[in-house]
Amino acid sequence: MWTWFYKLASPPYVYAAAAALAPWFLGLAAITVGYGLVDGLVYAPPDYQQGDAFRIIYVHAPSAWLSLFAYTSMALAGAIALVWRIKMGHAVAAASAPIGASFTVLALVTGSLWGRPMWGTYWAWDPRLTSELILLFLYVGVMSLRSAFEDPSRGDRAAALLGIVGLVNVPIIHYSVTWWNSLHQGATVAKLGKPPMPGSMLWPLLSMLLGFMLFYGAVLCMRLRGEVLNRERQAKWVREAIKS
């Protein structure tokens, strides 16, 4: 029953699986992101309050979601590596960190661009924005900590522990608009007891969200292959794979 799980401890298996999955993820990401961009930026009607400025949501919201998803994935991969001694978990965490940091930067930049016409400023020390900025610092901390040790295994363990501890920031980001008085817009897609987002706006947003997740999967697989090769460079199977 758990055979598939323990296969993840095998570097050749992980390398081959990542190589097989990456093209599928990338192709599907191109389709879903293409549809979402065209439908969201061209065909979706303007918002009755924000006008065309709302369209930045089609990049901002998926980026913000992926910043949390990638961090959670990184922390869980690190936890698996610590608990079950599956070293490929550290490889997944190391591959995920730069991707999640990039999504976090994109979320902060697009949020600032949206904030200028809506709030009159590019930046406000709003709970959502501040906690998202802390998330970026956590990503940078994890990546820096991993490379700060001469012993790679110690760096992996230290980075995994920081990633797990920093996981507490994820629900803070998500619920910040509910827990504190926030300038940030509240829930858009999942509104209980409130009118849902119109389908003409919702479907391209969901398509962009799916597309960003698939793109994350594709880039993660690509980076993971590099991590595996770097970590297993002395192994016989790596030399054979390079020759072939």
C-alpha atoms as a PDB file:
ATOM      1  CA  MET A   1       0.000   0.000   0.000  1.00  0.00           C
ATOM      2  CA  TRP A   2       2.819   2.404   0.867  1.00  0.00           C
ATOM      3  CA  THR A   3       5.106   1.245  -1.921  1.00  0.00           C
ATOM      4  CA  TRP A   4       4.536   4.426  -3.920  1.00  0.00           C
ATOM      5  CA  PHE A   5       5.536   6.525  -0.900  1.00  0.00           C
ATOM      6  CA  TYR A   6       8.810   4.735  -0.312  1.00  0.00           C
ATOM      7  CA  LYS A   7       9.638   4.939  -4.004  1.00  0.00           C
ATOM      8  CA  LEU A   8      10.021   8.654  -3.385  1.00  0.00           C
ATOM      9  CA  ALA A   9      13.153   7.817  -1.404  1.00  0.00           C
ATOM     10  CA  SER A  10      14.803   6.575  -4.604  1.00  0.00           C
ATOM     11  CA  PRO A  11      16.696   9.357  -6.451  1.00  0.00           C
ATOM     12  CA  PRO A  12      16.548   7.576  -9.856  1.00  0.00           C
ATOM     13  CA  TYR A  13      12.774   7.131  -9.477  1.00  0.00           C
ATOM     14  CA  VAL A  14      12.253  10.782  -8.508  1.00  0.00           C
ATOM     15  CA  TYR A  15      14.482  11.950 -11.355  1.00  0.00           C
ATOM     16  CA  ALA A  16      12.616   9.855 -13.933  1.00  0.00           C
ATOM     17  CA  ALA A  17       9.180  10.841 -12.572  1.00  0.00           C
ATOM     18  CA  ALA A  18      10.067  14.541 -12.673  1.00  0.00           C
ATOM     19  CA  ALA A  19      11.329  14.217 -16.248  1.00  0.00           C
ATOM     20  CA  ALA A  20       8.100  12.500 -17.311  1.00  0.00           C
ATOM     21  CA  LEU A  21       5.737  14.921 -15.562  1.00  0.00           C
ATOM     22  CA  ALA A  22       7.364  18.249 -16.470  1.00  0.00           C
ATOM     23  CA  PRO A  23       6.234  18.395 -20.160  1.00  0.00           C
ATOM     24  CA  TRP A  24       2.643  17.508 -19.234  1.00  0.00           C
ATOM     25  CA  PHE A  25       2.489  20.131 -16.517  1.00  0.00           C
ATOM     26  CA  LEU A  26       4.022  22.755 -18.804  1.00  0.00           C
ATOM     27  CA  GLY A  27       1.697  22.004 -21.718  1.00  0.00           C
ATOM     28  CA  LEU A  28      -1.436  22.093 -19.582  1.00  0.00           C
ATOM     29  CA  ALA A  29      -0.204  25.270 -17.884  1.00  0.00           C
ATOM     30  CA  ALA A  30       0.179  26.988 -21.262  1.00  0.00           C
ATOM     31  CA  ILE A  31      -3.408  26.070 -22.200  1.00  0.00           C
ATOM     32  CA  THR A  32      -5.045  27.108 -18.927  1.00  0.00           C
ATOM     33  CA  VAL A  33      -3.019  30.301 -18.485  1.00  0.00           C
ATOM     34  CA  GLY A  34      -3.621  31.249 -22.124  1.00  0.00           C
ATOM     35  CA  TYR A  35      -7.374  30.818 -21.726  1.00  0.00           C
ATOM     36  CA  GLY A  36      -7.411  32.675 -18.411  1.00  0.00           C
ATOM     37  CA  LEU A  37      -5.444  35.642 -19.728  1.00  0.00           C
ATOM     38  CA  VAL A  38      -7.508  36.064 -22.887  1.00  0.00           C
ATOM     39  CA  ASP A  39     -10.858  35.588 -21.168  1.00  0.00           C
ATOM     40  CA  GLY A  40      -9.921  37.651 -18.119  1.00  0.00           C
ATOM     41  CA  LEU A  41      -8.160  40.543 -19.820  1.00  0.00           C
ATOM     42  CA  VAL A  42     -10.319  40.780 -22.950  1.00  0.00           C
ATOM     43  CA  TYR A  43     -13.774  39.304 -22.433  1.00  0.00           C
ATOM     44  CA  ALA A  44     -14.514  39.644 -18.718  1.00  0.00           C
ATOM     45  CA  PRO A  45     -16.614  42.744 -17.990  1.00  0.00           C
ATOM     46  CA  PRO A  46     -15.134  45.639 -15.974  1.00  0.00           C
ATOM     47  CA  ASP A  47     -15.807  45.640 -12.244  1.00  0.00           C
ATOM     48  CA  TYR A  48     -18.604  48.035 -11.270  1.00  0.00           C
ATOM     49  CA  GLN A  49     -16.394  49.736  -8.668  1.00  0.00           C
ATOM     50  CA  GLN A  50     -12.793  49.191  -9.789  1.00  0.00           C
ATOM     51  CA  GLY A  51     -13.311  49.280 -13.534  1.00  0.00           C
ATOM     52  CA  ASP A  52     -10.570  47.652 -15.600  1.00  0.00           C
ATOM     53  CA  ALA A  53      -8.095  47.951 -12.707  1.00  0.00           C
ATOM     54  CA  PHE A  54      -9.614  44.786 -11.204  1.00  0.00           C
ATOM     55  CA  ARG A  55      -8.080  42.698 -14.011  1.00  0.00           C
ATOM     56  CA  ILE A  56      -4.768  42.556 -12.172  1.00  0.00           C
ATOM     57  CA  ILE A  57      -6.502  39.984  -9.953  1.00  0.00           C
ATOM     58  CA  TYR A  58      -5.898  37.397 -12.684  1.00  0.00           C
ATOM     59  CA  VAL A  59      -2.179  37.550 -11.933  1.00  0.00           C
ATOM     60  CA  HIS A  60      -2.155  38.805  -8.348  1.00  0.00           C
ATOM     61  CA  ALA A  61      -4.559  36.311  -6.757  1.00  0.00           C
ATOM     62  CA  PRO A  62      -2.981  33.168  -8.299  1.00  0.00           C
ATOM     63  CA  SER A  63       0.496  34.471  -7.402  1.00  0.00           C
ATOM     64  CA  ALA A  64      -0.550  35.051  -3.789  1.00  0.00           C
ATOM     65  CA  TRP A  65      -2.161  31.611  -3.592  1.00  0.00           C
ATOM     66  CA  LEU A  66       0.916  29.926  -5.057  1.00  0.00           C
ATOM     67  CA  SER A  67       3.187  31.769  -2.621  1.00  0.00           C
ATOM     68  CA  LEU A  68       1.313  30.018   0.205  1.00  0.00           C
ATOM     69  CA  PHE A  69       0.975  26.695  -1.615  1.00  0.00           C
ATOM     70  CA  ALA A  70       4.676  26.541  -2.479  1.00  0.00           C
ATOM     71  CA  TYR A  71       5.678  27.394   1.093  1.00  0.00           C
ATOM     72  CA  THR A  72       3.368  24.733   2.508  1.00  0.00           C
ATOM     73  CA  SER A  73       4.745  22.195   0.020  1.00  0.00           C
ATOM     74  CA  MET A  74       8.300  23.158   0.967  1.00  0.00           C
ATOM     75  CA  ALA A  75       7.606  22.840   4.690  1.00  0.00           C
ATOM     76  CA  LEU A  76       5.827  19.480   4.287  1.00  0.00           C
ATOM     77  CA  ALA A  77       8.663  18.127   2.132  1.00  0.00           C
ATOM     78  CA  GLY A  78      11.129  19.190   4.817  1.00  0.00           C
ATOM     79  CA  ALA A  79       9.014  17.556   7.528  1.00  0.00           C
ATOM     80  CA  ILE A  80       8.865  14.298   5.554  1.00  0.00           C
ATOM     81  CA  ALA A  81      12.635  14.393   5.159  1.00  0.00           C
ATOM     82  CA  LEU A  82      13.142  14.912   8.890  1.00  0.00           C
ATOM     83  CA  VAL A  83      10.614  12.341  10.105  1.00  0.00           C
ATOM     84  CA  TRP A  84      11.102   9.521   7.575  1.00  0.00           C
ATOM     85  CA  ARG A  85      14.724  10.292   6.669  1.00  0.00           C
ATOM     86  CA  ILE A  86      13.764  10.585   3.003  1.00  0.00           C
ATOM     87  CA  LYS A  87      16.516  12.785   1.632  1.00  0.00           C
ATOM     88  CA  MET A  88      14.575  13.509  -1.533  1.00  0.00           C
ATOM     89  CA  GLY A  89      12.273  15.564   0.679  1.00  0.00           C
ATOM     90  CA  HIS A  90      15.138  18.001   1.194  1.00  0.00           C
ATOM     91  CA  ALA A  91      15.642  18.095  -2.575  1.00  0.00           C
ATOM     92  CA  VAL A  92      11.964  18.957  -3.131  1.00  0.00           C
ATOM     93  CA  ALA A  93      12.132  21.657  -0.454  1.00  0.00           C
ATOM     94  CA  ALA A  94      15.282  23.145  -1.975  1.00  0.00           C
ATOM     95  CA  ALA A  95      13.725  23.122  -5.453  1.00  0.00           C
ATOM     96  CA  SER A  96      10.468  24.675  -4.242  1.00  0.00           C
ATOM     97  CA  ALA A  97      11.900  27.589  -2.246  1.00  0.00           C
ATOM     98  CA  PRO A  98      13.068  29.844  -5.138  1.00  0.00           C
ATOM     99  CA  ILE A  99       9.822  29.242  -7.029  1.00  0.00           C
ATOM    100  CA  GLY A 100       7.709  30.186  -4.026  1.00  0.00           C
ATOM    101  CA  ALA A 101       9.849  33.260  -3.404  1.00  0.00           C
ATOM    102  CA  SER A 102       9.308  34.340  -7.027  1.00  0.00           C
ATOM    103  CA  PHE A 103       5.536  33.981  -6.684  1.00  0.00           C
ATOM    104  CA  THR A 104       5.683  35.992  -3.448  1.00  0.00           C
ATOM    105  CA  VAL A 105       7.569  38.820  -5.154  1.00  0.00           C
ATOM    106  CA  LEU A 106       5.056  38.771  -8.012  1.00  0.00           C
ATOM    107  CA  ALA A 107       2.162  38.914  -5.528  1.00  0.00           C
ATOM    108  CA  LEU A 108       3.718  41.873  -3.695  1.00  0.00           C
ATOM    109  CA  VAL A 109       4.491  43.777  -6.909  1.00  0.00           C
ATOM    110  CA  THR A 110       1.076  43.259  -8.489  1.00  0.00           C
ATOM    111  CA  GLY A 111      -0.596  44.065  -5.175  1.00  0.00           C
ATOM    112  CA  SER A 112       1.331  47.337  -4.989  1.00  0.00           C
ATOM    113  CA  LEU A 113       0.355  48.205  -8.566  1.00  0.00           C
ATOM    114  CA  TRP A 114      -3.289  47.554  -7.686  1.00  0.00           C
ATOM    115  CA  GLY A 115      -3.004  49.474  -4.416  1.00  0.00           C
ATOM    116  CA  ARG A 116      -1.847  52.709  -6.081  1.00  0.00           C
ATOM    117  CA  PRO A 117      -5.180  53.498  -7.821  1.00  0.00           C
ATOM    118  CA  MET A 118      -7.322  51.856  -5.124  1.00  0.00           C
ATOM    119  CA  TRP A 119      -5.635  53.117  -1.940  1.00  0.00           C
ATOM    120  CA  GLY A 120      -3.651  56.035  -3.303  1.00  0.00           C
ATOM    121  CA  THR A 121      -0.316  54.435  -2.336  1.00  0.00           C
ATOM    122  CA  TYR A 122       1.874  51.572  -3.515  1.00  0.00           C
ATOM    123  CA  TRP A 123       2.416  50.273  -0.005  1.00  0.00           C
ATOM    124  CA  ALA A 124       0.530  50.308   3.287  1.00  0.00           C
ATOM    125  CA  TRP A 125       1.496  48.383   6.390  1.00  0.00           C
ATOM    126  CA  ASP A 126      -1.688  46.389   6.099  1.00  0.00           C
ATOM    127  CA  PRO A 127      -1.795  43.013   7.939  1.00  0.00           C
ATOM    128  CA  ARG A 128      -2.118  41.037   4.684  1.00  0.00           C
ATOM    129  CA  LEU A 129       0.713  42.900   2.968  1.00  0.00           C
ATOM    130  CA  THR A 130       2.972  42.802   6.006  1.00  0.00           C
ATOM    131  CA  SER A 131       2.487  39.080   6.606  1.00  0.00           C
ATOM    132  CA  GLU A 132       3.094  38.405   2.892  1.00  0.00           C
ATOM    133  CA  LEU A 133       6.346  40.380   3.136  1.00  0.00           C
ATOM    134  CA  ILE A 134       7.321  38.263   6.147  1.00  0.00           C
ATOM    135  CA  LEU A 135       6.679  35.206   3.970  1.00  0.00           C
ATOM    136  CA  LEU A 136       9.247  36.506   1.491  1.00  0.00           C
ATOM    137  CA  PHE A 137      11.752  36.951   4.324  1.00  0.00           C
ATOM    138  CA  LEU A 138      11.082  33.365   5.413  1.00  0.00           C
ATOM    139  CA  TYR A 139      11.790  32.102   1.899  1.00  0.00           C
ATOM    140  CA  VAL A 140      15.041  34.063   1.803  1.00  0.00           C
ATOM    141  CA  GLY A 141      15.924  32.774   5.273  1.00  0.00           C
ATOM    142  CA  VAL A 142      15.340  29.162   4.286  1.00  0.00           C
ATOM    143  CA  MET A 143      17.455  29.481   1.139  1.00  0.00           C
ATOM    144  CA  SER A 144      20.233  31.340   2.962  1.00  0.00           C
ATOM    145  CA  LEU A 145      20.267  28.913   5.865  1.00  0.00           C
ATOM    146  CA  ARG A 146      20.588  25.917   3.574  1.00  0.00           C
ATOM    147  CA  SER A 147      23.723  27.353   1.972  1.00  0.00           C
ATOM    148  CA  ALA A 148      25.227  28.659   5.235  1.00  0.00           C
ATOM    149  CA  PHE A 149      26.599  25.280   6.351  1.00  0.00           C
ATOM    150  CA  GLU A 150      29.604  23.503   4.901  1.00  0.00           C
ATOM    151  CA  ASP A 151      27.866  20.196   5.636  1.00  0.00           C
ATOM    152  CA  PRO A 152      24.899  20.010   3.216  1.00  0.00           C
ATOM    153  CA  SER A 153      22.961  17.650   5.507  1.00  0.00           C
ATOM    154  CA  ARG A 154      23.121  20.144   8.385  1.00  0.00           C
ATOM    155  CA  GLY A 155      21.994  22.917   6.063  1.00  0.00           C
ATOM    156  CA  ASP A 156      19.063  20.797   4.888  1.00  0.00           C
ATOM    157  CA  ARG A 157      17.968  20.067   8.456  1.00  0.00           C
ATOM    158  CA  ALA A 158      18.271  23.681   9.572  1.00  0.00           C
ATOM    159  CA  ALA A 159      16.340  24.923   6.532  1.00  0.00           C
ATOM    160  CA  ALA A 160      13.643  22.295   7.078  1.00  0.00           C
ATOM    161  CA  LEU A 161      13.192  23.340  10.715  1.00  0.00           C
ATOM    162  CA  LEU A 162      12.905  27.027   9.793  1.00  0.00           C
ATOM    163  CA  GLY A 163      10.423  26.137   7.058  1.00  0.00           C
ATOM    164  CA  ILE A 164       8.267  24.171   9.490  1.00  0.00           C
ATOM    165  CA  VAL A 165       8.354  26.920  12.131  1.00  0.00           C
ATOM    166  CA  GLY A 166       7.501  29.548   9.516  1.00  0.00           C
ATOM    167  CA  LEU A 167       4.434  27.560   8.513  1.00  0.00           C
ATOM    168  CA  VAL A 168       2.551  29.408  11.261  1.00  0.00           C
ATOM    169  CA  ASN A 169       2.599  32.477   9.001  1.00  0.00           C
ATOM    170  CA  VAL A 170       0.468  30.783   6.325  1.00  0.00           C
ATOM    171  CA  PRO A 171      -2.858  30.863   8.259  1.00  0.00           C
ATOM    172  CA  ILE A 172      -1.967  34.362   9.496  1.00  0.00           C
ATOM    173  CA  ILE A 173      -1.769  35.549   5.877  1.00  0.00           C
ATOM    174  CA  HIS A 174      -4.972  33.764   4.935  1.00  0.00           C
ATOM    175  CA  TYR A 175      -7.081  35.004   7.848  1.00  0.00           C
ATOM    176  CA  SER A 176      -5.454  38.420   8.324  1.00  0.00           C
ATOM    177  CA  VAL A 177      -8.321  40.236   6.591  1.00  0.00           C
ATOM    178  CA  THR A 178     -10.749  38.571   9.034  1.00  0.00           C
ATOM    179  CA  TRP A 179      -8.760  38.850  12.256  1.00  0.00           C
ATOM    180  CA  TRP A 180      -7.682  42.485  11.884  1.00  0.00           C
ATOM    181  CA  ASN A 181      -8.993  45.731  10.446  1.00  0.00           C
ATOM    182  CA  SER A 182      -7.563  45.512   6.951  1.00  0.00           C
ATOM    183  CA  LEU A 183      -7.512  47.663   3.848  1.00  0.00           C
ATOM    184  CA  HIS A 184      -7.085  44.543   1.765  1.00  0.00           C
ATOM    185  CA  GLN A 185     -10.029  43.179  -0.149  1.00  0.00           C
ATOM    186  CA  GLY A 186     -11.694  40.211   1.543  1.00  0.00           C
ATOM    187  CA  ALA A 187     -12.486  36.801   0.102  1.00  0.00           C
ATOM    188  CA  THR A 188     -13.394  36.969  -3.575  1.00  0.00           C
ATOM    189  CA  VAL A 189     -13.971  33.383  -4.702  1.00  0.00           C
ATOM    190  CA  ALA A 190     -15.148  31.590  -1.540  1.00  0.00           C
ATOM    191  CA  LYS A 191     -17.846  33.744  -0.010  1.00  0.00           C
ATOM    192  CA  LEU A 192     -20.202  31.929   2.337  1.00  0.00           C
ATOM    193  CA  GLY A 193     -23.642  33.478   2.418  1.00  0.00           C
ATOM    194  CA  LYS A 194     -22.705  36.249  -0.009  1.00  0.00           C
ATOM    195  CA  PRO A 195     -23.238  36.681  -3.748  1.00  0.00           C
ATOM    196  CA  PRO A 196     -20.592  34.717  -5.648  1.00  0.00           C
ATOM    197  CA  MET A 197     -18.226  36.279  -8.143  1.00  0.00           C
ATOM    198  CA  PRO A 198     -19.920  36.412 -11.582  1.00  0.00           C
ATOM    199  CA  GLY A 199     -19.076  33.453 -13.765  1.00  0.00           C
ATOM    200  CA  SER A 200     -17.680  35.678 -16.522  1.00  0.00           C
ATOM    201  CA  MET A 201     -15.033  36.841 -14.021  1.00  0.00           C
ATOM    202  CA  LEU A 202     -14.727  33.658 -11.964  1.00  0.00           C
ATOM    203  CA  TRP A 203     -13.915  31.103 -14.670  1.00  0.00           C
ATOM    204  CA  PRO A 204     -10.842  32.881 -16.036  1.00  0.00           C
ATOM    205  CA  LEU A 205      -9.638  33.384 -12.443  1.00  0.00           C
ATOM    206  CA  LEU A 206     -10.002  29.679 -11.688  1.00  0.00           C
ATOM    207  CA  SER A 207      -8.270  28.866 -14.965  1.00  0.00           C
ATOM    208  CA  MET A 208      -5.362  31.142 -14.032  1.00  0.00           C
ATOM    209  CA  LEU A 209      -5.156  29.544 -10.590  1.00  0.00           C
ATOM    210  CA  LEU A 210      -5.016  26.056 -12.113  1.00  0.00           C
ATOM    211  CA  GLY A 211      -2.518  27.230 -14.711  1.00  0.00           C
ATOM    212  CA  PHE A 212      -0.215  28.742 -12.094  1.00  0.00           C
ATOM    213  CA  MET A 213      -0.345  25.511 -10.080  1.00  0.00           C
ATOM    214  CA  LEU A 214       0.532  23.482 -13.171  1.00  0.00           C
ATOM    215  CA  PHE A 215       3.341  25.906 -13.990  1.00  0.00           C
ATOM    216  CA  TYR A 216       4.629  25.541 -10.440  1.00  0.00           C
ATOM    217  CA  GLY A 217       4.557  21.769 -10.898  1.00  0.00           C
ATOM    218  CA  ALA A 218       6.467  22.009 -14.179  1.00  0.00           C
ATOM    219  CA  VAL A 219       9.193  24.301 -12.838  1.00  0.00           C
ATOM    220  CA  LEU A 220       9.416  22.250  -9.645  1.00  0.00           C
ATOM    221  CA  CYS A 221      10.047  19.104 -11.696  1.00  0.00           C
ATOM    222  CA  MET A 222      12.722  20.865 -13.734  1.00  0.00           C
ATOM    223  CA  ARG A 223      14.487  22.235 -10.670  1.00  0.00           C
ATOM    224  CA  LEU A 224      14.091  18.934  -8.851  1.00  0.00           C
ATOM    225  CA  ARG A 225      15.964  17.108 -11.591  1.00  0.00           C
ATOM    226  CA  GLY A 226      18.845  19.524 -11.159  1.00  0.00           C
ATOM    227  CA  GLU A 227      18.782  19.099  -7.377  1.00  0.00           C
ATOM    228  CA  VAL A 228      18.816  15.319  -7.669  1.00  0.00           C
ATOM    229  CA  LEU A 229      21.737  15.363 -10.117  1.00  0.00           C
ATOM    230  CA  ASN A 230      23.692  17.743  -7.901  1.00  0.00           C
ATOM    231  CA  ARG A 231      23.076  15.722  -4.746  1.00  0.00           C
ATOM    232  CA  GLU A 232      23.739  12.350  -6.392  1.00  0.00           C
ATOM    233  CA  ARG A 233      26.565  13.437  -8.704  1.00  0.00           C
ATOM    234  CA  GLN A 234      28.871  10.725  -7.373  1.00  0.00           C
ATOM    235  CA  ALA A 235      26.355   7.940  -7.932  1.00  0.00           C
ATOM    236  CA  LYS A 236      26.820   5.458 -10.740  1.00  0.00           C
ATOM    237  CA  TRP A 237      23.296   5.944 -12.117  1.00  0.00           C
ATOM    238  CA  VAL A 238      23.951   9.678 -12.584  1.00  0.00           C
ATOM    239  CA  ARG A 239      27.066   9.016 -14.677  1.00  0.00           C
ATOM    240  CA  GLU A 240      25.100   6.538 -16.757  1.00  0.00           C
ATOM    241  CA  ALA A 241      22.218   8.984 -17.161  1.00  0.00           C
ATOM    242  CA  ILE A 242      24.586  11.735 -18.337  1.00  0.00           C
ATOM    243  CA  LYS A 243      26.260   9.409 -20.838  1.00  0.00           C
ATOM    244  CA  SER A 244      22.919   8.335 -22.248  1.00  0.00           C
END
